[in-house]
Amino acid sequence: MASDVVRDGMTLELTDLDQARGPGPSLEVFYSDEDGTMTFSALRPIDVPMEILTRFVEVARSNLPPSR
């Protein structure tokens, strides 16, 4: 999880540690401070079990929006 100053918000990334392709971010959820929306992006092809994808989105929903 990191602050994204350029896009004015917060981002949560899921990193793929596949050594054949080289490790790198594969999935992202971005929370916009500007309008309060969340955007999900697949940054590269990856096989993710549904349980992990579901948990990733749950963590994003609970941790990205600022506490009011």
Protein backbone atom coordinates (compact mmCIF):
# COMPACT_ATOMS: atom_id res chain seq x y z
CA MET A 1 0.00 0.00 0.00
CA ALA A 2 1.33 3.43 -0.91
CA SER A 3 0.36 7.03 -1.36
CA ASP A 4 0.11 8.08 -5.01
CA VAL A 5 0.75 11.83 -5.11
CA VAL A 6 0.60 12.05 -8.91
CA ARG A 7 -2.94 10.60 -9.10
CA ASP A 8 -4.01 12.09 -5.72
CA GLY A 9 -4.90 8.95 -3.81
CA MET A 10 -3.78 5.63 -2.37
CA THR A 11 -2.92 2.38 -4.11
CA LEU A 12 -2.73 -1.26 -3.07
CA GLU A 13 -0.71 -3.58 -5.28
CA LEU A 14 -0.45 -7.36 -5.45
CA THR A 15 3.02 -8.43 -6.55
CA ASP A 16 3.59 -11.55 -8.63
CA LEU A 17 6.85 -13.24 -7.62
CA ASP A 18 7.02 -15.41 -10.78
CA GLN A 19 10.74 -15.79 -11.44
CA ALA A 20 10.22 -16.76 -15.10
CA ARG A 21 8.72 -13.36 -15.97
CA GLY A 22 10.44 -11.48 -13.22
CA PRO A 23 8.66 -10.22 -10.13
CA GLY A 24 6.47 -7.18 -10.41
CA PRO A 25 3.08 -5.66 -9.61
CA SER A 26 0.20 -7.58 -11.18
CA LEU A 27 -2.99 -6.21 -9.64
CA GLU A 28 -3.85 -2.78 -8.31
CA VAL A 29 -6.72 -1.08 -6.56
CA PHE A 30 -6.53 2.72 -6.61
CA TYR A 31 -8.57 4.95 -4.29
CA SER A 32 -9.02 8.50 -5.57
CA ASP A 33 -8.98 11.21 -2.90
CA GLU A 34 -10.43 13.52 -5.54
CA ASP A 35 -13.76 11.76 -6.07
CA GLY A 36 -13.79 8.80 -3.64
CA THR A 37 -13.88 6.12 -6.35
CA MET A 38 -11.93 2.87 -6.43
CA THR A 39 -10.51 1.40 -9.61
CA PHE A 40 -9.30 -2.17 -10.07
CA SER A 41 -6.58 -2.84 -12.68
CA ALA A 42 -4.80 -5.96 -13.90
CA LEU A 43 -1.31 -4.71 -14.71
CA ARG A 44 -0.19 -7.94 -16.42
CA PRO A 45 -1.62 -11.42 -17.01
CA ILE A 46 -1.61 -13.56 -13.89
CA ASP A 47 -3.49 -16.61 -12.66
CA VAL A 48 -4.93 -15.64 -9.29
CA PRO A 49 -7.11 -18.01 -7.28
CA MET A 50 -10.54 -16.48 -6.59
CA GLU A 51 -9.94 -16.65 -2.82
CA ILE A 52 -6.84 -14.45 -3.13
CA LEU A 53 -8.56 -12.01 -5.49
CA THR A 54 -11.52 -11.72 -3.13
CA ARG A 55 -9.25 -11.13 -0.12
CA PHE A 56 -7.22 -8.54 -2.06
CA VAL A 57 -10.37 -6.54 -2.83
CA GLU A 58 -11.57 -6.85 0.80
CA VAL A 59 -8.26 -5.49 2.10
CA ALA A 60 -8.43 -2.60 -0.40
CA ARG A 61 -11.98 -1.73 0.64
CA SER A 62 -11.13 -1.68 4.32
CA ASN A 63 -7.69 -0.02 4.18
CA LEU A 64 -7.59 2.43 1.29
CA PRO A 65 -10.36 4.94 2.06
CA PRO A 66 -9.27 7.46 4.66
CA SER A 67 -10.87 7.25 8.10
CA ARG A 68 -13.42 9.99 8.57
